[in-house]
Protein backbone atom coordinates (compact mmCIF):
# COMPACT_ATOMS: atom_id res chain seq x y z
CA UNK A 1 3.21 -18.76 12.36
CA UNK A 2 0.12 -16.92 13.52
CA UNK A 3 -2.37 -14.68 11.81
CA UNK A 4 -3.26 -11.42 13.49
CA UNK A 5 -5.62 -8.65 12.44
CA UNK A 6 -4.07 -5.23 11.88
CA UNK A 7 -5.95 -2.41 10.21
CA UNK A 8 -4.22 0.83 9.33
CA UNK A 9 -7.44 2.64 9.85
CA UNK A 10 -8.22 1.33 13.33
CA UNK A 11 -5.84 3.92 14.72
CA UNK A 12 -8.48 6.56 13.96
CA UNK A 13 -10.19 5.56 17.19
CA UNK A 14 -7.17 5.59 19.46
CA UNK A 15 -4.31 7.73 20.61
CA UNK A 16 -0.95 7.14 19.02
CA UNK A 17 1.66 6.95 21.74
CA UNK A 18 5.05 8.48 21.11
CA UNK A 19 8.16 8.52 23.26
CA UNK A 20 10.00 11.35 21.57
CA UNK A 21 11.93 14.57 21.94
CA UNK A 22 11.92 17.80 20.02
CA UNK A 23 15.14 19.51 19.07
CA UNK A 24 13.76 22.58 17.32
CA UNK A 25 12.88 25.53 19.50
CA UNK A 26 9.19 26.21 19.63
CA UNK A 27 8.06 22.82 18.36
CA UNK A 28 6.56 21.69 21.64
CA UNK A 29 4.80 24.97 22.25
CA UNK A 30 2.88 24.54 19.02
CA UNK A 31 2.24 20.85 19.56
CA UNK A 32 -1.12 20.28 21.18
CA UNK A 33 -1.03 17.54 23.80
CA UNK A 34 -4.18 15.92 25.14
CA UNK A 35 -4.50 13.84 28.28
CA UNK A 36 -8.28 13.68 28.24
CA UNK A 37 -10.69 11.87 25.96
CA UNK A 38 -11.89 13.78 22.92
CA UNK A 39 -15.67 13.59 22.64
CA UNK A 40 -16.73 11.84 19.46
CA UNK A 41 -20.08 12.27 17.80
CA UNK A 42 -21.74 9.22 16.23
CA UNK A 43 -23.94 9.83 13.21
CA UNK A 44 -27.53 8.70 13.05
CA UNK A 45 -27.63 9.56 9.35
CA UNK A 46 -24.82 9.09 6.85
CA UNK A 47 -23.25 12.01 4.96
CA UNK A 48 -24.96 12.64 1.64
CA UNK A 49 -23.06 12.00 -1.61
CA UNK A 50 -20.98 15.00 -2.65
CA UNK A 51 -20.50 16.27 0.91
CA UNK A 52 -16.76 15.55 0.90
CA UNK A 53 -16.12 17.03 -2.53
CA UNK A 54 -18.32 20.11 -2.10
CA UNK A 55 -17.71 20.92 1.57
CA UNK A 56 -15.04 19.04 3.51
CA UNK A 57 -12.30 19.01 0.87
CA UNK A 58 -12.36 22.83 0.95
CA UNK A 59 -11.59 23.05 4.67
CA UNK A 60 -8.16 24.07 5.88
CA UNK A 61 -5.88 21.25 6.97
CA UNK A 62 -6.35 22.27 10.61
CA UNK A 63 -10.14 22.28 10.40
CA UNK A 64 -10.17 18.99 8.53
CA UNK A 65 -7.94 17.39 11.15
CA UNK A 66 -10.14 18.65 14.01
CA UNK A 67 -13.20 17.24 12.29
CA UNK A 68 -11.48 13.85 11.85
CA UNK A 69 -10.84 13.67 15.62
CA UNK A 70 -14.08 15.09 16.99
CA UNK A 71 -16.48 13.70 14.38
CA UNK A 72 -14.78 10.65 12.89
CA UNK A 73 -18.03 9.20 11.53
CA UNK A 74 -18.71 12.34 9.53
CA UNK A 75 -15.11 12.58 8.31
CA UNK A 76 -14.60 8.94 7.28
CA UNK A 77 -18.19 8.48 6.13
CA UNK A 78 -18.03 11.46 3.79
CA UNK A 79 -14.60 10.46 2.49
CA UNK A 80 -15.68 6.87 1.82
CA UNK A 81 -18.93 7.95 0.12
CA UNK A 82 -17.24 10.30 -2.33
CA UNK A 83 -13.77 8.83 -2.84
CA UNK A 84 -14.74 5.17 -3.35
CA UNK A 85 -17.18 3.61 -5.81
CA UNK A 86 -19.65 1.34 -4.02
CA UNK A 87 -21.66 -1.53 -5.46
CA UNK A 88 -23.92 -1.35 -2.41
CA UNK A 89 -23.68 1.60 0.02
CA UNK A 90 -22.67 1.05 3.63
CA UNK A 91 -25.24 1.70 6.37
CA UNK A 92 -22.84 2.32 9.28
CA UNK A 93 -19.43 3.96 9.29
CA UNK A 94 -17.85 2.03 12.14
CA UNK A 95 -18.44 -0.42 14.95
CA UNK A 96 -15.16 -0.60 16.83
CA UNK A 97 -14.05 -1.51 20.33
CA UNK A 98 -10.27 -1.61 20.57
CA UNK A 99 -10.34 -3.04 24.10
CA UNK A 100 -11.99 -6.22 22.81
CA UNK A 101 -10.36 -6.19 19.38
CA UNK A 102 -13.68 -5.69 17.58
CA UNK A 103 -12.99 -3.71 14.43
CA UNK A 104 -15.56 -3.20 11.69
CA UNK A 105 -15.78 -0.38 9.17
CA UNK A 106 -18.38 0.59 6.55
CA UNK A 107 -20.80 -2.17 7.50
CA UNK A 108 -23.19 -3.37 4.84
CA UNK A 109 -21.16 -1.85 2.03
CA UNK A 110 -19.96 -3.81 -0.98
CA UNK A 111 -17.27 -2.70 -3.42
CA UNK A 112 -14.38 -4.01 -5.48
CA UNK A 113 -10.85 -2.68 -5.02
CA UNK A 114 -9.86 -3.51 -8.59
CA UNK A 115 -12.75 -1.41 -9.93
CA UNK A 116 -11.66 1.54 -7.78
CA UNK A 117 -8.06 1.26 -8.99
CA UNK A 118 -8.80 0.54 -12.67
CA UNK A 119 -12.28 0.96 -14.10
CA UNK A 120 -13.06 4.29 -12.41
CA UNK A 121 -10.02 5.97 -13.93
CA UNK A 122 -10.24 4.29 -17.33
CA UNK A 123 -13.68 5.90 -17.64
CA UNK A 124 -12.37 9.37 -16.72
CA UNK A 125 -8.88 9.38 -18.23
CA UNK A 126 -8.51 6.50 -20.71
CA UNK A 127 -5.23 7.84 -22.10
CA UNK A 128 -3.46 8.56 -18.81
CA UNK A 129 -0.38 6.45 -18.02
CA UNK A 130 -0.96 4.35 -14.90
CA UNK A 131 2.39 2.57 -14.52
CA UNK A 132 5.95 3.50 -15.46
CA UNK A 133 8.20 0.46 -15.17
CA UNK A 134 11.75 1.40 -14.22
CA UNK A 135 13.38 -1.91 -15.10
CA UNK A 136 16.65 -3.08 -13.59
CA UNK A 137 18.49 -2.32 -16.81
CA UNK A 138 18.22 1.44 -17.53
CA UNK A 139 16.44 2.30 -20.81
CA UNK A 140 14.90 5.24 -22.33
CA UNK A 141 -3.39 -1.47 -19.64
CA UNK A 142 -5.51 -1.98 -17.83
CA UNK A 143 -6.59 -5.16 -19.65
CA UNK A 144 -3.70 -7.15 -18.20
CA UNK A 145 -5.24 -7.51 -14.69
CA UNK A 146 -8.58 -8.47 -16.25
CA UNK A 147 -7.06 -11.20 -18.45
CA UNK A 148 -5.07 -12.46 -15.48
CA UNK A 149 -8.25 -12.52 -13.36
CA UNK A 150 -9.92 -14.68 -16.01
CA UNK A 151 -6.84 -16.91 -16.09
CA UNK A 152 -7.10 -17.50 -12.36
CA UNK A 153 -10.84 -18.21 -12.59
CA UNK A 154 -10.33 -20.67 -15.45
CA UNK A 155 -7.99 -22.64 -13.18
CA UNK A 156 -10.47 -22.86 -10.32
CA UNK A 157 -9.36 -19.89 -8.20
CA UNK A 158 -12.40 -18.27 -6.58
CA UNK A 159 -13.45 -15.80 -3.91
CA UNK A 160 -11.76 -16.56 -0.60
CA UNK A 161 -8.90 -18.63 -2.05
CA UNK A 162 -5.38 -17.46 -1.25
CA UNK A 163 -2.78 -16.87 -3.97
CA UNK A 164 0.94 -16.39 -3.27
CA UNK A 165 2.77 -13.84 -5.45
CA UNK A 166 6.55 -14.28 -5.64
CA UNK A 167 7.63 -11.76 -8.26
CA UNK A 168 9.91 -8.76 -8.79
CA UNK A 169 8.43 -5.27 -9.09
CA UNK A 170 6.78 -5.19 -12.52
CA UNK A 171 3.50 -4.36 -14.26
CA UNK A 172 2.57 -8.04 -14.19
CA UNK A 173 3.10 -8.17 -10.42
CA UNK A 174 0.71 -5.22 -10.01
CA UNK A 175 -1.70 -6.96 -12.37
CA UNK A 176 -1.51 -10.05 -10.15
CA UNK A 177 -2.55 -8.07 -7.07
CA UNK A 178 -5.44 -6.41 -8.90
CA UNK A 179 -6.53 -9.67 -10.56
CA UNK A 180 -6.89 -11.31 -7.16
CA UNK A 181 -8.77 -8.26 -5.87
CA UNK A 182 -11.11 -8.37 -8.86
CA UNK A 183 -12.30 -11.92 -8.24
CA UNK A 184 -12.17 -11.78 -4.44
CA UNK A 185 -9.13 -14.01 -4.03
CA UNK A 186 -6.78 -13.10 -1.16
CA UNK A 187 -3.22 -12.35 -2.24
CA UNK A 188 -0.13 -12.79 -0.12
CA UNK A 189 3.00 -11.26 -1.66
CA UNK A 190 6.32 -12.76 -0.63
CA UNK A 191 9.45 -10.66 -1.19
CA UNK A 192 11.26 -12.14 -4.19
CA UNK A 193 14.55 -12.27 -2.31
CA UNK A 194 13.34 -14.70 0.34
CA UNK A 195 14.57 -18.29 0.45
CA UNK A 196 12.57 -21.38 -0.48
CA UNK A 197 12.15 -22.15 3.24
CA UNK A 198 10.72 -18.70 3.94
CA UNK A 199 8.42 -18.96 0.93
CA UNK A 200 7.23 -22.43 1.91
CA UNK A 201 6.41 -21.36 5.45
CA UNK A 202 4.19 -18.53 4.24
CA UNK A 203 2.45 -20.69 1.62
CA UNK A 204 1.75 -23.36 4.22
CA UNK A 205 0.41 -20.94 6.80
CA UNK A 206 -1.86 -19.15 4.28
CA UNK A 207 -2.94 -22.45 2.65
CA UNK A 208 -2.36 -21.02 -0.81
CA UNK A 209 -4.00 -22.74 -3.77
CA UNK A 210 -1.79 -21.12 -6.41
CA UNK A 211 1.51 -19.30 -6.86
CA UNK A 212 2.29 -16.60 -9.42
CA UNK A 213 5.99 -16.20 -10.18
CA UNK A 214 8.61 -15.58 -12.91
CA UNK A 215 11.28 -17.73 -14.44
CA UNK A 216 13.91 -15.30 -13.13
CA UNK A 217 14.18 -11.94 -11.45
CA UNK A 218 16.67 -9.22 -12.35
CA UNK A 219 18.11 -7.01 -9.62
CA UNK A 220 21.34 -5.05 -9.52
CA UNK A 221 22.48 -6.69 -12.74
CA UNK A 222 22.11 -10.18 -11.27
CA UNK A 223 19.70 -12.93 -12.29
CA UNK A 224 17.65 -14.50 -9.48
CA UNK A 225 16.24 -18.01 -10.07
CA UNK A 226 12.67 -17.46 -8.82
CA UNK A 227 11.04 -20.51 -10.43
CA UNK A 228 13.71 -22.82 -9.02
CA UNK A 229 13.06 -21.34 -5.56
CA UNK A 230 9.33 -21.96 -5.94
CA UNK A 231 9.95 -25.56 -7.05
CA UNK A 232 12.01 -26.18 -3.93
CA UNK A 233 9.39 -24.59 -1.69
CA UNK A 234 6.47 -26.55 -3.11
CA UNK A 235 7.97 -29.88 -2.06
CA UNK A 236 6.35 -29.20 1.32
CA UNK A 237 3.24 -27.27 0.20
CA UNK A 238 0.45 -29.75 -0.63
CA UNK A 239 -2.32 -27.11 -0.92
CA UNK A 240 -0.89 -25.57 -4.13
CA UNK A 241 -2.61 -26.74 -7.31
CA UNK A 242 -1.17 -24.38 -9.96
CA UNK A 243 2.00 -22.34 -10.52
CA UNK A 244 1.62 -19.52 -13.05
CA UNK A 245 5.02 -18.73 -14.56
CA UNK A 246 5.84 -15.48 -16.36
CA UNK A 247 8.92 -15.04 -18.57
CA UNK A 248 10.88 -12.07 -17.21
CA UNK A 249 14.03 -13.14 -19.09
CA UNK A 250 14.65 -15.29 -22.16
CA UNK A 251 15.96 -18.24 -20.16
CA UNK A 252 13.67 -21.27 -20.28
CA UNK A 253 12.90 -23.07 -17.03
CA UNK A 254 11.70 -26.56 -16.22
CA UNK A 255 7.90 -26.82 -16.36
CA UNK A 256 6.05 -29.50 -14.45
CA UNK A 257 2.45 -30.72 -14.31
CA UNK A 258 1.28 -27.86 -12.06
CA UNK A 259 3.07 -25.17 -14.07
CA UNK A 260 1.14 -22.81 -16.36
CA UNK A 261 2.92 -20.55 -18.93
CA UNK A 262 1.26 -17.30 -17.87
CA UNK A 263 1.60 -15.05 -20.93
CA UNK A 264 0.61 -17.86 -23.28
CA UNK A 265 -2.57 -18.61 -21.34
CA UNK A 266 -3.45 -14.99 -20.63
CA UNK A 267 -3.47 -13.98 -24.28
CA UNK A 268 -6.34 -16.39 -24.90
CA UNK A 269 -8.49 -14.94 -22.12
CA UNK A 270 -11.25 -12.37 -22.49
CA UNK A 271 -10.51 -8.73 -21.63
CA UNK A 272 -13.84 -8.55 -19.77
CA UNK A 273 -14.23 -9.86 -16.22
CA UNK A 274 -17.10 -8.91 -13.95
CA UNK A 275 -15.84 -7.59 -10.63
CA UNK A 276 -16.85 -9.59 -7.55
CA UNK A 277 -18.92 -7.54 -5.05
CA UNK A 278 -17.07 -7.77 -1.74
CA UNK A 279 -18.07 -6.77 1.77
CA UNK A 280 -16.12 -3.89 3.29
CA UNK A 281 -14.55 -6.28 5.80
CA UNK A 282 -13.77 -9.14 3.40
CA UNK A 283 -10.07 -9.99 3.21
CA UNK A 284 -8.06 -8.13 0.58
CA UNK A 285 -4.60 -9.45 1.35
CA UNK A 286 -2.44 -11.22 3.89
CA UNK A 287 1.11 -9.93 4.34
CA UNK A 288 3.67 -11.59 6.57
CA UNK A 289 6.22 -9.83 8.73
CA UNK A 290 9.88 -10.41 7.90
CA UNK A 291 10.46 -12.85 10.76
CA UNK A 292 13.58 -11.03 11.91
CA UNK A 293 12.31 -10.98 15.52
CA UNK A 294 10.58 -14.35 15.59
CA UNK A 295 8.12 -16.36 13.54
CA UNK A 296 6.57 -14.37 10.68
CA UNK A 297 3.09 -13.14 11.50
CA UNK A 298 0.39 -12.87 8.87
CA UNK A 299 -1.24 -9.43 8.97
CA UNK A 300 -4.77 -9.20 7.55
CA UNK A 301 -5.94 -6.15 5.62
CA UNK A 302 -9.53 -5.83 4.47
CA UNK A 303 -11.20 -3.98 1.62
CA UNK A 304 -12.78 -0.57 2.15
CA UNK A 305 -11.00 0.85 5.19
CA UNK A 306 -7.54 -0.03 3.88
CA UNK A 307 -8.22 1.38 0.43
CA UNK A 308 -9.66 4.63 1.79
CA UNK A 309 -6.76 5.16 4.19
CA UNK A 310 -4.08 4.58 1.54
CA UNK A 311 -5.96 6.86 -0.87
CA UNK A 312 -6.24 9.71 1.65
CA UNK A 313 -2.67 9.45 2.95
CA UNK A 314 -1.30 9.29 -0.59
CA UNK A 315 -3.23 12.45 -1.47
CA UNK A 316 -2.66 14.53 1.66
CA UNK A 317 0.66 13.38 3.13
CA UNK A 318 2.46 13.59 -0.21
CA UNK A 319 0.42 16.56 -1.47
CA UNK A 320 -0.43 14.60 -4.60
CA UNK A 321 -2.10 16.65 -7.34
CA UNK A 322 -3.91 15.35 -10.38
CA UNK A 323 -1.39 14.65 -13.14
CA UNK A 324 1.67 14.25 -10.90
CA UNK A 325 4.16 11.40 -11.36
CA UNK A 326 4.49 9.55 -8.04
CA UNK A 327 7.65 7.57 -7.37
CA UNK A 328 7.70 5.14 -4.44
CA UNK A 329 10.78 2.93 -4.79
CA UNK A 330 9.71 0.30 -2.25
CA UNK A 331 9.39 -3.36 -3.20
CA UNK A 332 5.84 -4.67 -3.47
CA UNK A 333 6.85 -7.42 -1.05
CA UNK A 334 6.47 -4.92 1.82
CA UNK A 335 3.47 -2.97 3.10
CA UNK A 336 4.88 0.33 1.81
CA UNK A 337 4.92 -1.13 -1.70
CA UNK A 338 1.35 -2.39 -1.36
CA UNK A 339 0.06 0.94 -0.10
CA UNK A 340 2.12 3.54 -1.99
CA UNK A 341 3.23 1.77 -5.14
CA UNK A 342 -0.09 0.08 -5.90
CA UNK A 343 -3.32 0.76 -4.03
CA UNK A 344 -3.06 4.38 -2.87
CA UNK A 345 -1.76 5.90 -6.13
CA UNK A 346 -3.98 3.79 -8.39
CA UNK A 347 -7.09 4.54 -6.34
CA UNK A 348 -6.32 8.24 -6.90
CA UNK A 349 -5.73 7.79 -10.62
CA UNK A 350 -2.04 8.63 -10.29
CA UNK A 351 0.87 7.67 -12.51
CA UNK A 352 2.99 5.44 -10.29
CA UNK A 353 6.59 4.37 -10.87
CA UNK A 354 7.59 0.71 -10.45
CA UNK A 355 11.26 0.49 -9.44
CA UNK A 356 12.77 -2.95 -10.04
CA UNK A 357 16.44 -2.16 -9.41
CA UNK A 358 18.62 -0.97 -6.50
CA UNK A 359 19.66 2.58 -5.51
CA UNK A 360 23.28 1.99 -6.55
CA UNK A 361 22.88 0.15 -9.86
CA UNK A 362 24.51 0.92 -12.23
CA UNK A 363 25.79 3.76 -9.99
CA UNK A 364 24.74 5.72 -6.86
CA UNK A 365 23.00 8.32 -9.02
CA UNK A 366 20.26 5.89 -10.12
CA UNK A 367 17.43 7.47 -8.13
CA UNK A 368 18.19 11.01 -9.22
CA UNK A 369 18.80 10.14 -12.87
CA UNK A 370 15.36 8.53 -12.79
CA UNK A 371 13.84 11.64 -11.20
CA UNK A 372 15.29 13.79 -13.97
CA UNK A 373 14.25 11.46 -16.79
CA UNK A 374 10.72 10.69 -15.58
CA UNK A 375 10.08 14.16 -14.07
CA UNK A 376 8.97 12.61 -10.76
CA UNK A 377 7.02 14.99 -8.50
CA UNK A 378 6.91 12.98 -5.25
CA UNK A 379 9.74 10.64 -4.28
CA UNK A 380 9.26 8.13 -1.46
CA UNK A 381 12.20 5.97 -0.37
CA UNK A 382 13.10 3.60 2.45
CA UNK A 383 15.27 4.90 5.31
CA UNK A 384 17.73 2.04 4.74
CA UNK A 385 18.22 3.05 1.10
CA UNK A 386 18.80 6.69 2.00
CA UNK A 387 21.33 5.72 4.69
CA UNK A 388 23.15 3.63 2.08
CA UNK A 389 23.39 6.63 -0.25
CA UNK A 390 24.92 8.78 2.49
CA UNK A 391 28.16 6.81 1.98
CA UNK A 392 28.58 8.28 -1.49
CA UNK A 393 29.65 11.72 -2.64
CA UNK A 394 26.85 14.27 -3.07
CA UNK A 395 27.90 14.86 -6.68
CA UNK A 396 25.76 11.80 -7.51
CA UNK A 397 22.76 13.88 -6.48
CA UNK A 398 23.78 17.30 -7.75
CA UNK A 399 24.64 16.20 -11.28
CA UNK A 400 20.95 15.59 -12.10
CA UNK A 401 18.03 17.98 -12.51
CA UNK A 402 15.71 17.52 -9.54
CA UNK A 403 13.54 20.58 -10.18
CA UNK A 404 10.41 18.46 -10.74
CA UNK A 405 10.49 17.23 -7.13
CA UNK A 406 7.88 18.73 -4.83
CA UNK A 407 7.92 16.22 -1.96
CA UNK A 408 10.58 13.89 -0.52
CA UNK A 409 9.43 11.20 1.88
CA UNK A 410 10.99 8.42 3.94
CA UNK A 411 8.73 6.29 6.16
CA UNK A 412 7.32 2.79 6.51
CA UNK A 413 3.86 1.30 6.88
CA UNK A 414 0.71 3.25 7.71
CA UNK A 415 1.53 6.92 8.15
CA UNK A 416 0.42 8.24 11.56
CA UNK A 417 2.39 11.49 11.82
CA UNK A 418 3.98 13.54 9.04
CA UNK A 419 4.84 17.14 8.02
CA UNK A 420 1.81 17.10 5.72
CA UNK A 421 -1.08 17.75 5.59
CA UNK A 422 -0.47 21.17 7.15
CA UNK A 423 -0.21 24.80 6.24
CA UNK A 424 3.24 26.13 5.37
CA UNK A 425 5.37 26.64 8.47
CA UNK A 426 3.08 24.64 10.75
CA UNK A 427 4.57 22.06 13.16
CA UNK A 428 4.41 18.34 12.47
CA UNK A 429 1.04 17.05 13.65
CA UNK A 430 -0.73 13.68 13.67
CA UNK A 431 -2.49 12.51 10.53
CA UNK A 432 -6.26 12.60 10.11
CA UNK A 433 -8.09 10.77 12.87
CA UNK A 434 -5.00 10.35 15.09
CA UNK A 435 -4.19 11.96 18.42
CA UNK A 436 -0.62 12.11 19.71
CA UNK A 437 0.15 11.81 23.41
CA UNK A 438 3.66 12.38 24.70
CA UNK A 439 4.86 9.84 27.25
CA UNK A 440 7.94 10.08 29.41
CA UNK A 441 10.29 7.06 29.69
CA UNK A 442 8.33 5.80 32.69
CA UNK A 443 5.12 5.62 30.67
CA UNK A 444 3.24 8.46 32.35
CA UNK A 445 1.88 11.52 30.59
CA UNK A 446 4.62 13.92 29.59
CA UNK A 447 3.22 16.87 31.53
CA UNK A 448 4.62 18.67 34.56
CA UNK A 449 3.25 21.90 35.98
CA UNK A 450 0.98 22.33 32.97
CA UNK A 451 3.90 22.05 30.53
CA UNK A 452 4.90 19.16 28.36
CA UNK A 453 8.14 17.46 29.27
CA UNK A 454 10.29 15.31 27.08
């Protein structure tokens, strides 16, 4: 396995290349295609605090997009200054050279992701619900991440250490991510359906010092022996010193010398934990590819740039408004779950839904029954799940009240092009900071006689 550096936000400095076609009449005419280099202005002074909130946020989507392309320092600098809480302010927005792979954002700045996702919003809206757990079995706190952070520290986990998280979607899994972020530990989440061999390979490559897991997982009405899988994996993982075990079900599991009963230990910890000041480019998490096309690759995501990008795309692409209920049904084992179940919504103070089950359990109406019951405003699902539901009769959709829905989304990873943000009736355009360039199948610019070809 290899570790490579991939930053969602590095695309702000490059064109996004698409080989595509347009089926709707008029789409290409409205789609601006560039073959030249857009001049970019570098700032000698940083935007003053309040500039985003008082000035830029009031611009039209078109004007805001143009600013993000022509003056990326002003756009991203203002957004970072106003949308994130800094322990120490950054002194330079970016220092990037994609040709050499040099990527650095918000140099000199220090912040803590956990503070931006928890403390900031507890101060403003202490009574707002942060997480709604849609457990596998249908049924009608911010202190948890802090206690878990103290639990990790009391067992020797410190800034820079890597912690593997092998858990189903749950409030405690979210707490595990934020606990690592609070103390500066690097988390690597492994999808809780992977085998012991797949888990072991990722733990070995990341040199994890601890694993956080559950006795069992529950999915589609079935029990999944997570602790037993971890035990099998750790036979070849000498770097692991502790296994923190949560009780998702009532079944007791075998506990060895490295095993720590998580809830029992957490309840004895303080609910106060000072947040570690972290450089903008310090590691936040390491997430491995699935390995379906070769050896899994560990993708590095750092602090400030990642958090800002997920916050902005969550707000603008999904048209999130303060007080909305946001429902992303992805698993936290994938990048979509990291970005749009956890970090993006929580950074914006949203109420985010944690979906533990499957789209067809106990029946194919599960998603839409949940939408009706929880009054979800934005629903974000995986393309594979939506294709699965196409096999079933549409009565499973129509029988439920979906009037609360404002946005439906289906995408993966970092969003580069989407119907929003845009004015009503506008064509689909690239996201902030991105430029789209049409290419023909041969790789040359899709232009002929001054017109785009596709």
